[in-house]
């Protein structure tokens, strides 16, 4: 799984979930980083490197808000490939206070930097590009190694589409 929700940095809050329709012919997974496709549809799409992040998918649902089922075409409720825009909706956490455990494109520290308080860009919608670790601006802020999995990094969104 790509990004795993850990907790909110705000002790009085949790994820801030909004329901957004998913664009045509894309595969969306729970945990993916996503953005609004501003080229044509204004629907949800997997996030690319070096663009602002909207948030992370927490669930995939039918337009009426009910869970996906075998009759609605879902393979396993975690992954879904759309055939038309608006066919499914994603519940997306848009909070910059949400702490996530992120998969890396390479072993932490490969670039010679410390994983603490560095900034990272995505390599794709499922993981961070370890080679982009830097003190300069990037899509995510690193908060250190995940204590539950030393190959993963704790991060928050730094460059949000909502800014």
Protein backbone atom coordinates (compact mmCIF):
# COMPACT_ATOMS: atom_id res chain seq x y z
CA UNK A 1 0.00 0.00 0.00
CA UNK A 2 1.25 3.43 -0.91
CA UNK A 3 0.69 6.08 1.76
CA UNK A 4 -0.63 4.78 5.10
CA UNK A 5 -2.45 7.15 7.41
CA UNK A 6 -0.84 7.20 10.88
CA UNK A 7 -2.45 10.05 12.83
CA UNK A 8 -3.20 13.74 12.86
CA UNK A 9 -0.62 16.18 14.19
CA UNK A 10 -3.62 18.09 15.60
CA UNK A 11 -4.64 16.18 18.76
CA UNK A 12 -8.27 17.32 18.39
CA UNK A 13 -8.72 16.23 14.79
CA UNK A 14 -8.48 13.38 12.33
CA UNK A 15 -8.41 13.21 8.54
CA UNK A 16 -10.42 15.86 6.67
CA UNK A 17 -12.32 13.77 4.10
CA UNK A 18 -14.03 15.17 1.01
CA UNK A 19 -15.81 13.19 -1.72
CA UNK A 20 -14.51 13.81 -5.25
CA UNK A 21 -15.45 12.10 -8.56
CA UNK A 22 -12.66 10.14 -10.25
CA UNK A 23 -11.69 10.86 -13.87
CA UNK A 24 -12.02 8.42 -16.79
CA UNK A 25 -9.76 5.39 -17.38
CA UNK A 26 -7.42 5.69 -14.42
CA UNK A 27 -6.57 3.22 -11.73
CA UNK A 28 -6.98 4.62 -8.23
CA UNK A 29 -5.83 2.79 -5.12
CA UNK A 30 -6.52 3.49 -1.47
CA UNK A 31 -3.43 5.32 -0.22
CA UNK A 32 -2.58 7.01 -3.54
CA UNK A 33 -1.56 10.66 -3.64
CA UNK A 34 -4.06 12.50 -5.85
CA UNK A 35 -4.64 15.84 -7.55
CA UNK A 36 -7.46 17.51 -9.44
CA UNK A 37 -7.01 16.94 -13.19
CA UNK A 38 -7.04 20.53 -14.44
CA UNK A 39 -6.33 19.70 -18.09
CA UNK A 40 -9.87 18.78 -19.12
CA UNK A 41 -12.20 17.09 -16.66
CA UNK A 42 -11.69 18.70 -13.23
CA UNK A 43 -12.02 15.21 -11.73
CA UNK A 44 -9.65 13.38 -9.40
CA UNK A 45 -6.50 11.81 -10.89
CA UNK A 46 -3.26 10.21 -9.61
CA UNK A 47 -0.76 12.88 -8.57
CA UNK A 48 2.45 13.42 -10.55
CA UNK A 49 5.84 14.61 -9.37
CA UNK A 50 6.42 18.34 -8.88
CA UNK A 51 2.73 19.37 -8.79
CA UNK A 52 0.71 20.35 -5.76
CA UNK A 53 -0.92 17.46 -3.90
CA UNK A 54 -4.64 17.51 -3.07
CA UNK A 55 -4.49 14.62 -0.60
CA UNK A 56 -4.60 10.84 -0.15
CA UNK A 57 -7.38 8.38 -0.97
CA UNK A 58 -8.97 6.80 2.11
CA UNK A 59 -11.83 4.95 0.39
CA UNK A 60 -13.55 4.43 -2.95
CA UNK A 61 -17.34 4.70 -3.04
CA UNK A 62 -20.30 4.78 -5.41
CA UNK A 63 -21.75 8.19 -6.36
CA UNK A 64 -24.44 7.68 -3.69
CA UNK A 65 -21.73 7.20 -1.02
CA UNK A 66 -22.23 3.46 -0.56
CA UNK A 67 -19.17 1.16 -0.63
CA UNK A 68 -18.12 -0.44 -3.91
CA UNK A 69 -19.31 -3.99 -4.36
CA UNK A 70 -18.70 -6.79 -6.87
CA UNK A 71 -21.81 -5.63 -8.77
CA UNK A 72 -20.34 -2.12 -9.17
CA UNK A 73 -17.19 -3.52 -10.77
CA UNK A 74 -14.69 -3.30 -7.92
CA UNK A 75 -12.06 -5.99 -7.76
CA UNK A 76 -11.31 -5.66 -4.06
CA UNK A 77 -12.45 -2.22 -2.86
CA UNK A 78 -8.82 -1.08 -2.70
CA UNK A 79 -8.22 -0.73 -6.45
CA UNK A 80 -10.62 0.41 -9.12
CA UNK A 81 -10.23 1.28 -12.80
CA UNK A 82 -12.88 3.71 -14.02
CA UNK A 83 -14.53 3.49 -17.42
CA UNK A 84 -16.28 6.88 -17.28
CA UNK A 85 -15.79 10.08 -15.30
CA UNK A 86 -17.88 10.30 -12.15
CA UNK A 87 -18.53 6.54 -12.10
CA UNK A 88 -16.88 6.32 -8.69
CA UNK A 89 -15.92 8.80 -6.01
CA UNK A 90 -12.91 8.85 -3.73
CA UNK A 91 -12.93 9.97 -0.11
CA UNK A 92 -9.77 12.07 0.03
CA UNK A 93 -7.97 13.34 3.14
CA UNK A 94 -6.95 16.91 2.29
CA UNK A 95 -5.47 17.84 5.69
CA UNK A 96 -1.88 19.11 5.84
CA UNK A 97 -1.89 17.97 9.49
CA UNK A 98 -2.29 14.27 8.59
CA UNK A 99 0.85 12.21 9.16
CA UNK A 100 1.44 9.40 6.65
CA UNK A 101 3.90 6.54 6.38
CA UNK A 102 5.34 6.74 2.86
CA UNK A 103 6.97 4.13 0.70
CA UNK A 104 10.28 5.26 -0.84
CA UNK A 105 11.65 4.75 -4.37
CA UNK A 106 15.01 3.67 -2.86
CA UNK A 107 16.45 2.98 0.59
CA UNK A 108 16.29 5.94 2.96
CA UNK A 109 19.56 7.87 3.05
CA UNK A 110 20.67 6.71 -0.43
CA UNK A 111 21.24 10.32 -1.47
CA UNK A 112 23.51 10.84 1.54
CA UNK A 113 21.00 12.99 3.40
CA UNK A 114 19.32 12.32 6.69
CA UNK A 115 15.63 11.37 6.43
CA UNK A 116 14.79 13.84 9.20
CA UNK A 117 13.16 17.12 8.18
CA UNK A 118 14.05 16.83 4.49
CA UNK A 119 11.56 17.63 1.72
CA UNK A 120 10.61 15.10 -0.98
CA UNK A 121 8.76 14.93 -4.29
CA UNK A 122 6.73 11.99 -5.55
CA UNK A 123 8.24 9.45 -7.92
CA UNK A 124 4.64 8.42 -8.73
CA UNK A 125 1.30 8.48 -6.89
CA UNK A 126 2.37 5.58 -4.63
CA UNK A 127 5.82 6.56 -3.33
CA UNK A 128 8.33 9.32 -2.72
CA UNK A 129 11.45 9.81 -4.80
CA UNK A 130 14.34 9.35 -2.39
CA UNK A 131 16.70 11.11 -4.80
CA UNK A 132 14.76 14.39 -4.39
CA UNK A 133 15.57 14.70 -0.66
CA UNK A 134 16.55 18.31 -0.04
CA UNK A 135 16.14 21.21 2.31
CA UNK A 136 14.44 23.20 -0.46
CA UNK A 137 10.74 23.16 -1.28
CA UNK A 138 9.03 19.94 -2.40
CA UNK A 139 5.64 18.21 -2.24
CA UNK A 140 6.17 16.52 1.16
CA UNK A 141 7.88 17.28 4.47
CA UNK A 142 9.71 14.35 6.08
CA UNK A 143 9.40 13.87 9.84
CA UNK A 144 11.72 10.89 10.26
CA UNK A 145 11.72 7.14 9.91
CA UNK A 146 8.45 5.29 10.58
CA UNK A 147 9.01 3.46 13.91
CA UNK A 148 6.80 0.60 12.64
CA UNK A 149 8.76 0.12 9.38
CA UNK A 150 12.32 1.43 9.02
CA UNK A 151 12.07 1.38 5.19
CA UNK A 152 9.28 3.99 5.26
CA UNK A 153 9.26 7.71 6.06
CA UNK A 154 6.73 9.72 8.09
CA UNK A 155 5.53 12.70 6.02
CA UNK A 156 2.96 15.46 5.75
CA UNK A 157 1.81 17.33 2.66
CA UNK A 158 3.89 20.47 2.20
CA UNK A 159 2.67 21.75 -1.20
CA UNK A 160 -1.12 21.49 -1.21
CA UNK A 161 -3.58 22.33 -4.00
CA UNK A 162 -5.64 24.03 -1.28
CA UNK A 163 -2.96 26.66 -0.58
